[in-house]
Protein backbone atom coordinates (compact mmCIF):
# COMPACT_ATOMS: atom_id res chain seq x y z
CA MET A 1 0.03 0.09 0.06
CA ASN A 2 1.19 3.64 -0.84
CA LYS A 3 0.81 6.78 1.38
CA THR A 4 -2.50 6.99 0.62
CA THR A 5 -3.51 4.23 2.48
CA ALA A 6 -2.95 5.48 5.93
CA LEU A 7 -4.59 7.91 4.95
CA SER A 8 -7.88 5.87 3.51
CA THR A 9 -7.72 4.70 6.97
CA LEU A 10 -7.45 7.74 9.01
CA LEU A 11 -10.56 9.10 6.97
CA LEU A 12 -12.29 5.57 6.98
CA ALA A 13 -12.67 6.34 10.76
CA LEU A 14 -13.82 9.16 10.87
CA ALA A 15 -16.17 8.45 8.47
CA GLY A 16 -17.72 5.92 10.26
CA CYS A 17 -19.37 8.63 13.06
CA ASP A 18 -22.09 8.40 11.82
CA GLY A 19 -24.25 10.39 14.27
CA PRO A 20 -25.79 12.52 15.50
CA TRP A 21 -25.00 10.55 19.12
CA ASN A 22 -28.12 13.08 21.48
CA THR A 23 -31.12 10.82 22.52
CA SER A 24 -33.62 9.44 19.99
CA PRO A 25 -37.26 9.25 20.41
CA ALA A 26 -39.13 6.26 22.01
CA ASP A 27 -40.28 5.54 18.68
CA TYR A 28 -37.44 5.91 16.95
CA THR A 29 -37.13 3.17 14.47
CA PRO A 30 -33.63 2.05 13.07
CA PRO A 31 -32.61 3.15 9.67
CA ASP A 32 -32.21 0.19 7.00
CA PRO A 33 -28.38 -0.62 6.87
CA THR A 34 -26.00 0.88 3.93
CA LEU A 35 -23.17 0.08 2.29
CA ARG A 36 -20.37 2.89 2.34
CA VAL A 37 -17.39 2.60 0.35
CA SER A 38 -14.15 5.29 0.80
CA LEU A 39 -12.02 5.51 -1.85
CA PHE A 40 -9.40 8.24 -2.67
CA VAL A 41 -8.27 8.58 -6.69
CA VAL A 42 -5.20 10.62 -6.29
CA GLY A 43 -3.39 12.22 -9.44
CA GLY A 44 0.30 10.70 -9.53
CA ARG A 45 -0.54 7.59 -7.54
CA ALA A 46 -1.34 3.85 -8.25
CA PHE A 47 -4.91 3.12 -7.10
CA ASP A 48 -5.43 2.38 -3.51
CA THR A 49 -7.14 0.96 -1.32
CA LEU A 50 -10.72 0.91 -1.39
CA TRP A 51 -12.52 0.75 2.57
CA MET A 52 -16.45 -0.68 2.22
CA GLU A 53 -18.68 -1.26 5.46
CA ARG A 54 -21.95 -1.50 6.20
CA THR A 55 -23.59 1.02 8.65
CA GLN A 56 -24.30 -0.93 11.68
CA PRO A 57 -25.85 0.13 15.25
CA LEU A 58 -23.43 1.67 17.91
CA SER A 59 -24.68 -1.33 20.19
CA LEU A 60 -22.25 -3.59 17.78
CA ALA A 61 -19.35 -3.60 18.53
CA TYR A 62 -17.01 -2.77 15.43
CA ASP A 63 -15.04 -5.54 14.15
CA SER A 64 -13.23 -5.40 10.84
CA ALA A 65 -12.83 -9.28 10.22
CA ARG A 66 -16.83 -9.48 10.38
CA GLY A 67 -17.70 -10.65 7.24
CA PHE A 68 -20.99 -9.55 5.81
CA VAL A 69 -20.58 -9.43 1.51
CA MET A 70 -21.34 -12.70 -0.25
CA SER A 71 -19.58 -11.92 -3.47
CA ALA A 72 -19.20 -8.34 -5.32
CA THR A 73 -17.41 -7.18 -8.46
CA ILE A 74 -16.16 -3.64 -8.03
CA GLU A 75 -14.62 -1.43 -10.87
CA VAL A 76 -13.62 1.76 -11.72
CA VAL A 77 -13.74 2.54 -15.15
CA SER A 78 -12.86 5.46 -17.68
CA ASP A 79 -15.28 7.99 -19.36
CA ASP A 80 -15.79 5.02 -22.36
CA GLY A 81 -16.66 2.04 -20.10
CA THR A 82 -13.14 0.64 -20.30
CA LYS A 83 -11.94 -1.17 -17.23
CA VAL A 84 -9.26 0.87 -15.55
CA VAL A 85 -8.66 -1.46 -12.22
CA GLY A 86 -11.27 -3.99 -10.20
CA TYR A 87 -10.56 -4.60 -6.66
CA SER A 88 -11.02 -7.97 -4.96
CA LYS A 89 -11.19 -8.43 -1.19
CA ALA A 90 -8.15 -8.06 0.65
CA PRO A 91 -6.72 -10.98 3.09
CA ASN A 92 -7.92 -11.19 6.74
CA SER A 93 -10.29 -8.34 6.05
CA ALA A 94 -14.41 -8.10 5.59
CA VAL A 95 -13.89 -4.25 4.68
CA ALA A 96 -10.76 -3.94 2.81
CA TRP A 97 -10.51 -4.29 -1.13
CA ILE A 98 -7.28 -4.21 -2.90
CA PRO A 99 -6.70 -3.20 -6.69
CA ASP A 100 -5.86 -6.23 -8.65
CA ALA A 101 -3.19 -4.17 -10.80
CA GLN A 102 -0.75 -1.64 -9.96
CA VAL A 103 -2.18 1.12 -12.28
CA VAL A 104 -1.52 5.37 -11.78
CA ALA A 105 -4.64 7.70 -12.13
CA ALA A 106 -3.88 10.69 -13.96
CA ALA A 107 -4.39 14.13 -13.22
CA GLY A 108 -7.21 15.88 -15.04
CA ARG A 109 -9.30 12.57 -15.77
CA SER A 110 -12.06 11.77 -14.88
CA TYR A 111 -13.46 8.21 -12.99
CA HIS A 112 -16.50 5.87 -12.41
CA LEU A 113 -17.10 3.14 -9.90
CA LYS A 114 -19.56 0.31 -10.56
CA ALA A 115 -19.90 -2.25 -7.71
CA ARG A 116 -22.74 -5.21 -7.29
CA VAL A 117 -22.51 -6.32 -3.81
CA VAL A 118 -24.48 -9.56 -2.70
CA TRP A 119 -24.63 -8.88 1.24
CA ASN A 120 -26.32 -9.93 4.38
CA ALA A 121 -28.39 -6.64 4.90
CA ASP A 122 -30.19 -7.65 7.37
CA LYS A 123 -30.84 -5.08 10.67
CA ASN A 124 -30.13 -7.68 13.52
CA TRP A 125 -26.96 -8.77 12.20
CA PRO A 126 -24.82 -10.30 12.19
CA THR A 127 -27.32 -12.52 13.61
CA GLY A 128 -29.98 -12.06 11.20
CA SER A 129 -29.54 -12.75 7.25
CA THR A 130 -31.47 -10.98 4.71
CA ILE A 131 -29.37 -11.20 1.30
CA ALA A 132 -29.38 -8.21 -0.58
CA THR A 133 -28.11 -7.24 -4.07
CA THR A 134 -27.20 -3.56 -4.46
CA ASP A 135 -25.74 -1.53 -7.14
CA LEU A 136 -23.54 1.41 -6.79
CA ALA A 137 -21.89 3.95 -8.83
CA ALA A 138 -20.19 7.28 -8.10
CA ASP A 139 -18.06 9.50 -10.15
CA ALA A 140 -14.71 11.31 -9.24
CA LYS A 141 -12.68 14.04 -11.38
CA VAL A 142 -8.45 14.26 -10.36
CA PRO A 143 -8.25 17.91 -10.23
CA ASP A 144 -5.78 19.08 -13.50
CA SER A 145 -3.28 21.04 -10.86
CA TRP A 146 -2.98 22.03 -7.54
CA SER A 147 0.94 22.67 -5.32
CA VAL A 148 2.01 24.60 -2.17
CA ASP A 149 5.10 26.32 -2.16
CA SER A 150 8.23 24.71 -1.18
CA VAL A 151 9.29 28.21 0.98
CA ALA A 152 7.34 29.72 3.57
CA GLN A 153 6.86 32.23 6.01
CA VAL A 154 7.54 31.80 9.55
CA SER A 155 8.17 34.36 12.15
CA LEU A 156 11.40 35.06 14.06
CA GLU A 157 9.71 33.80 17.47
CA ASN A 158 10.25 30.22 15.61
CA LEU A 159 13.25 30.57 14.49
CA ILE A 160 14.86 31.86 18.61
CA PRO A 161 14.80 29.43 20.53
CA SER A 162 14.64 32.00 23.39
CA LEU A 163 11.54 33.45 22.29
CA SER A 164 9.81 30.36 21.35
CA ALA A 165 10.14 29.20 24.90
CA GLY A 166 9.17 33.15 25.84
CA ALA A 167 11.60 35.27 26.88
CA ASP A 168 11.31 38.61 26.48
CA VAL A 169 12.59 41.20 23.73
CA THR A 170 15.49 42.78 25.30
CA ASP A 171 18.66 43.98 24.41
CA THR A 172 20.39 40.87 25.75
CA LEU A 173 17.95 38.59 24.07
CA LEU A 174 19.75 35.02 23.49
CA LEU A 175 20.55 34.57 20.36
CA PRO A 176 21.68 31.34 18.39
CA PRO A 177 25.88 31.82 17.09
CA GLY A 178 24.95 34.09 13.49
CA ALA A 179 21.46 34.67 13.98
CA ARG A 180 21.63 38.37 13.58
CA SER A 181 23.12 38.30 10.22
CA LYS A 182 21.61 35.09 8.82
CA TYR A 183 17.80 36.52 9.63
CA SER A 184 19.19 39.86 8.95
CA MET A 185 18.28 41.20 12.97
CA THR A 186 18.60 45.10 12.77
CA ALA A 187 17.54 47.76 15.75
CA GLY A 188 13.96 48.23 13.70
CA THR A 189 13.46 44.20 13.81
CA PHE A 190 14.23 44.22 18.05
CA ASP A 191 11.62 47.14 17.66
CA SER A 192 9.54 44.86 15.72
CA LEU A 193 9.77 41.89 17.77
CA ARG A 194 8.19 44.40 20.58
CA GLN A 195 5.51 45.25 19.63
CA GLY A 196 4.57 42.10 19.03
CA LEU A 197 3.95 42.47 15.00
CA PRO A 198 4.06 40.09 12.25
CA THR A 199 7.98 39.52 11.86
CA TYR A 200 8.31 37.14 9.12
CA ARG A 201 11.84 35.21 7.32
CA PRO A 202 11.94 32.42 4.51
CA PHE A 203 11.67 29.16 5.64
CA HIS A 204 12.17 25.91 2.79
CA SER A 205 10.92 22.55 3.52
CA GLY A 206 12.78 20.16 4.74
CA ASP A 207 14.48 23.39 7.34
CA THR A 208 14.63 23.28 11.38
CA LEU A 209 12.05 25.70 13.70
CA TRP A 210 11.42 26.17 17.36
CA TYR A 211 7.50 24.89 18.56
CA ILE A 212 6.25 28.23 20.67
CA SER A 213 5.33 27.61 23.89
CA ASP A 214 4.42 30.59 24.97
CA ASP A 215 1.10 31.31 26.11
CA ARG A 216 2.48 34.81 27.95
CA HIS A 217 3.41 37.01 24.70
CA THR A 218 0.40 38.69 22.92
CA VAL A 219 1.22 38.82 19.31
CA VAL A 220 -0.38 40.21 16.12
CA ASN A 221 -0.42 38.20 13.52
CA PRO A 222 -0.41 39.14 9.65
CA ASP A 223 -4.53 39.09 9.77
CA GLY A 224 -4.61 41.89 12.19
CA LYS A 225 -5.83 39.43 15.15
CA SER A 226 -4.00 39.39 18.71
CA VAL A 227 -3.22 36.01 19.95
CA SER A 228 -0.96 34.70 22.14
CA ARG A 229 2.76 33.60 20.61
CA ALA A 230 2.07 29.90 19.97
CA TYR A 231 -0.57 31.01 17.95
CA ARG A 232 1.68 32.90 15.70
CA GLN A 233 0.94 31.97 12.26
CA ILE A 234 3.47 30.33 9.24
CA LEU A 235 2.29 31.10 5.85
CA LEU A 236 2.65 28.67 3.07
CA GLY A 237 1.57 29.74 -0.62
CA GLN A 238 -0.31 27.75 -2.30
CA ARG A 239 -1.26 26.96 -5.96
CA PRO A 240 -5.08 25.77 -6.54
CA GLY A 241 -5.85 24.82 -10.26
CA ALA A 242 -9.09 26.49 -11.63
CA ASP A 243 -11.49 23.07 -10.42
CA PHE A 244 -9.28 23.89 -7.20
CA GLY A 245 -12.78 22.26 -4.36
CA GLY A 246 -11.10 22.63 -0.92
CA VAL A 247 -8.19 20.90 0.94
CA PHE A 248 -7.18 19.14 3.93
CA ALA A 249 -4.13 18.31 5.39
CA VAL A 250 -2.44 15.15 7.28
CA GLU A 251 0.76 14.67 9.28
CA ARG A 252 3.40 12.35 9.21
CA PHE A 253 5.41 12.72 12.51
CA ASP A 254 8.18 10.61 13.80
CA PRO A 255 7.64 8.12 16.09
CA THR A 256 11.08 8.05 17.24
CA GLY A 257 10.64 11.33 18.61
CA ALA A 258 8.48 13.31 21.28
CA ARG A 259 5.15 13.95 21.58
CA ILE A 260 4.85 17.73 22.60
CA LEU A 261 2.56 18.86 25.35
CA ASP A 262 0.40 21.35 23.70
CA PRO A 263 -0.92 24.64 24.86
CA ILE A 264 -4.36 23.20 24.58
CA THR A 265 -3.82 20.25 26.48
CA LYS A 266 -1.82 21.91 29.30
CA GLU A 267 -4.79 24.36 29.51
CA PHE A 268 -7.01 21.56 30.23
CA GLN A 269 -4.95 19.59 32.65
CA THR A 270 -5.40 22.61 34.42
CA THR A 271 -8.95 22.98 34.71
CA GLN A 272 -9.28 19.33 35.79
CA GLY A 273 -6.90 20.56 38.45
CA LYS A 274 -4.40 17.94 37.30
CA THR A 275 -0.25 19.27 37.66
CA GLY A 276 0.98 16.52 35.49
CA PHE A 277 0.68 13.01 33.81
CA ASP A 278 -0.69 10.32 35.06
CA SER A 279 -0.66 6.40 33.33
CA ARG A 280 -4.11 6.85 32.20
CA ASP A 281 -3.25 10.39 30.49
CA SER A 282 0.03 8.92 29.06
CA ALA A 283 -1.83 6.20 27.36
CA ARG A 284 -4.62 8.13 26.09
CA TYR A 285 -1.93 11.00 24.54
CA PHE A 286 -0.43 8.32 23.07
CA GLN A 287 -1.11 8.16 19.20
CA PRO A 288 -0.38 4.74 17.51
CA GLY A 289 1.36 5.19 14.15
CA ASP A 290 3.31 8.07 12.71
CA THR A 291 0.31 9.52 10.63
CA ARG A 292 -2.79 11.71 11.83
CA TYR A 293 -5.31 14.22 11.16
CA ALA A 294 -4.08 17.59 11.01
CA PHE A 295 -6.88 20.33 9.96
CA GLY A 296 -9.53 20.95 6.76
CA PRO A 297 -10.66 20.04 5.01
CA TYR A 298 -11.54 23.93 4.10
CA PRO A 299 -13.70 24.75 1.13
CA ALA A 300 -12.68 26.62 -1.90
CA TYR A 301 -14.34 29.44 -0.81
CA SER A 302 -13.27 30.27 2.34
CA PRO A 303 -13.48 33.81 3.55
CA ASP A 304 -12.02 34.16 6.81
CA ILE A 305 -8.52 32.78 6.39
CA TYR A 306 -6.53 34.97 5.64
CA GLY A 307 -5.44 35.49 2.36
CA TRP A 308 -7.31 32.27 1.17
CA PRO A 309 -6.62 30.78 -1.17
CA ARG A 310 -3.49 31.99 -2.27
CA LEU A 311 -2.34 31.99 1.51
CA TYR A 312 -2.71 28.56 3.17
CA PRO A 313 -2.02 29.92 7.56
CA PHE A 314 -1.38 27.75 10.50
CA SER A 315 0.09 27.94 13.77
CA ASN A 316 2.73 25.23 14.69
CA LEU A 317 0.47 23.54 17.66
CA THR A 318 -0.22 22.25 13.76
CA PHE A 319 2.99 20.23 14.83
CA GLY A 320 2.36 17.59 17.36
CA TYR A 321 5.95 15.86 17.93
CA THR A 322 9.52 17.00 17.83
CA GLY A 323 11.65 15.61 15.16
CA LYS A 324 10.63 15.44 10.64
CA ASN A 325 7.19 16.24 10.37
CA THR A 326 5.56 16.54 6.87
CA LEU A 327 2.48 17.81 6.15
CA TYR A 328 0.36 16.17 3.10
CA PHE A 329 -1.64 18.94 1.97
CA TYR A 330 -4.97 17.06 -0.66
CA SER A 331 -6.83 18.95 -3.38
CA VAL A 332 -10.14 17.55 -3.12
CA GLU A 333 -13.32 17.69 -4.98
CA ALA A 334 -16.16 20.15 -3.43
CA GLN A 335 -17.95 17.08 -3.11
CA TYR A 336 -15.95 15.64 -0.59
CA VAL A 337 -15.89 19.28 1.02
CA VAL A 338 -19.75 19.16 1.52
CA TYR A 339 -19.62 15.14 2.38
CA GLN A 340 -17.35 15.92 5.42
CA SER A 341 -18.73 19.23 6.56
CA GLN A 342 -22.20 17.56 6.80
CA LEU A 343 -21.29 14.42 8.24
CA SER A 344 -19.69 16.98 10.89
CA LYS A 345 -22.55 18.71 11.75
CA GLN A 346 -24.60 15.48 12.12
CA ALA A 347 -21.82 14.11 14.85
CA GLN A 348 -22.51 17.44 16.70
CA GLY A 349 -26.26 16.96 16.64
CA ASP A 350 -27.11 19.49 13.96
CA ARG A 351 -30.55 18.06 12.80
CA THR A 352 -31.03 20.09 10.47
CA ALA A 353 -27.50 18.82 8.55
CA LEU A 354 -28.72 16.75 6.00
CA PRO A 355 -26.51 13.76 4.85
CA TYR A 356 -24.62 13.69 1.74
CA SER A 357 -22.65 11.16 -0.78
CA ASN A 358 -22.12 10.91 -3.94
CA VAL A 359 -22.32 7.20 -4.10
CA LYS A 360 -25.46 6.16 -5.71
CA GLY A 361 -27.26 2.62 -4.31
CA GLY A 362 -24.89 3.88 -0.73
CA THR A 363 -22.64 6.30 1.02
CA GLY A 364 -19.53 7.83 1.93
CA TYR A 365 -17.51 9.32 -1.29
CA PHE A 366 -14.98 8.47 -4.20
CA THR A 367 -13.25 11.51 -4.90
CA GLY A 368 -9.66 13.08 -7.43
CA ALA A 369 -7.48 14.59 -5.53
CA LEU A 370 -4.12 15.54 -5.82
CA VAL A 371 -1.17 15.43 -2.97
CA ASP A 372 1.78 18.13 -2.27
CA SER A 373 3.90 18.15 0.96
CA PHE A 374 5.90 19.96 3.37
CA THR A 375 8.45 19.21 6.02
CA VAL A 376 9.77 20.79 8.78
CA VAL A 377 12.27 19.41 11.50
CA VAL A 378 10.59 20.83 15.09
CA ASN A 379 12.82 20.96 17.52
CA ALA A 380 11.30 22.26 21.42
CA THR A 381 12.73 24.26 24.87
CA GLY A 382 10.67 25.39 27.63
CA VAL A 383 7.59 23.24 27.35
CA GLU A 384 7.29 19.65 28.25
CA THR A 385 7.44 16.71 25.82
CA PHE A 386 6.77 12.17 26.15
CA SER A 387 8.58 10.01 24.43
CA VAL A 388 6.44 8.36 21.77
CA GLU A 389 8.17 4.79 22.69
CA ALA A 390 7.52 5.72 26.53
CA LEU A 391 3.87 6.33 25.51
CA ARG A 392 3.14 3.21 23.49
CA GLN A 393 4.49 1.16 26.79
CA THR A 394 2.12 2.87 29.21
CA ALA A 395 -0.67 2.84 26.70
CA CYS A 396 0.15 -0.80 25.60
CA LYS A 397 0.81 -1.59 30.20
CA ARG A 398 -3.01 -0.38 30.94
CA ALA A 399 -4.84 -2.12 27.62
CA TRP A 400 -2.95 -5.67 29.19
CA ARG A 401 -4.42 -4.89 32.59
CA THR A 402 -7.73 -4.27 31.44
CA SER A 403 -7.63 -6.66 28.97
CA GLN A 404 -6.81 -9.36 32.37
CA SER A 405 -9.52 -7.75 34.60
CA ASP A 406 -12.51 -7.30 31.65
CA GLY A 407 -11.22 -9.72 28.87
CA THR A 408 -11.14 -6.84 26.38
CA PRO A 409 -9.23 -8.39 23.33
CA PHE A 410 -5.26 -7.39 23.87
CA ASP A 411 -3.70 -7.46 20.25
CA SER A 412 0.28 -8.29 21.29
CA LEU A 413 1.02 -8.53 18.05
CA GLY A 414 -0.11 -4.78 16.90
CA VAL A 415 0.52 -1.40 17.99
CA CYS A 416 1.86 -3.26 21.28
CA ARG A 417 4.21 -5.94 19.02
CA GLY A 418 7.72 -5.86 21.43
CA ALA A 419 6.41 -3.53 24.24
CA ASN A 420 6.87 -5.00 28.14
CA PHE A 421 3.27 -4.62 28.44
CA ARG A 422 3.19 -6.93 31.47
CA GLY A 423 6.12 -5.24 33.31
């Protein structure tokens, strides 16, 4: 599987949250089960895993190996109906379907998903059995063009370790060797920093910045809004094509690094009356794998975002880990942005939000995308960090103890492979 596999898995988990989860009326009748499809077609990448689930009540524990499909014919075709790629069920999974050939999707091209699925559509599945045949169809178009710049604009607070950790701007400010010359720091530069004004320098993909943890100093962002120093914006240029529908980002972090205690989590801990992390907190702070959702999707028209769509502003709080962090920006069709927006509103309990899907005969999404990336190496000083490995060990120990006390399944060959979880 290529890089989009982790993305597909992550978004599948998000898409599985149907909501709303508010209390149902006494006469509530559960809807009929539906097939849910998830597949991105990313230009310049080989067709990736297709995920197909069936909706189920929250009372039923999710099990990706529990079969519900008797047979299925799934393929993607071109405009003239010619087969591009077919799909067959992945071993040891009831929801993953893998392509039968390595076919690279092309930018600007349209694709069409066709499927006939024979499956158990019983409301009481898996105990009941009602066999149904469902035809699914959906259309996707990969955007013609899209990219992000290889050089961003970053504030000096992100480049000077002492400022990132909360130092005042004084004549005796501790600077790295050669910083005055490297960053062209003049008397006027120091005046701007004292006033909290936006003071930016070019930052190349792959360069190193310092994580701003300071929430004591107030500064002004390029959009004119006053924020704490930790929310200083990084400005990354993007070049959307004519058919730009929106964009979201996924962060790939270094699992050998350390997770940073961000100001939001720190504040939450404080409101709970906690002065530190116990084992439960550490277990919850562990994120398996090396990929997590960063932000978005933002629609093509987003007037509230400064400089949009030519600029993509975000703060260093986007990066949760020390070490190499790569943001993968996905330019997507508008239909996917609408799908996720409505899904989010439903999950938040908005009864006016109507479900949306471009999949005929089912739900989910089949959408085209282009991807580009920007890499940042993150250092941190003056802020608490937690070794990812230490968090993993703690999470595995707690999971093991829980499994011993209440019989919860424990996977010693997955995330916890090699962990000293019995210690």
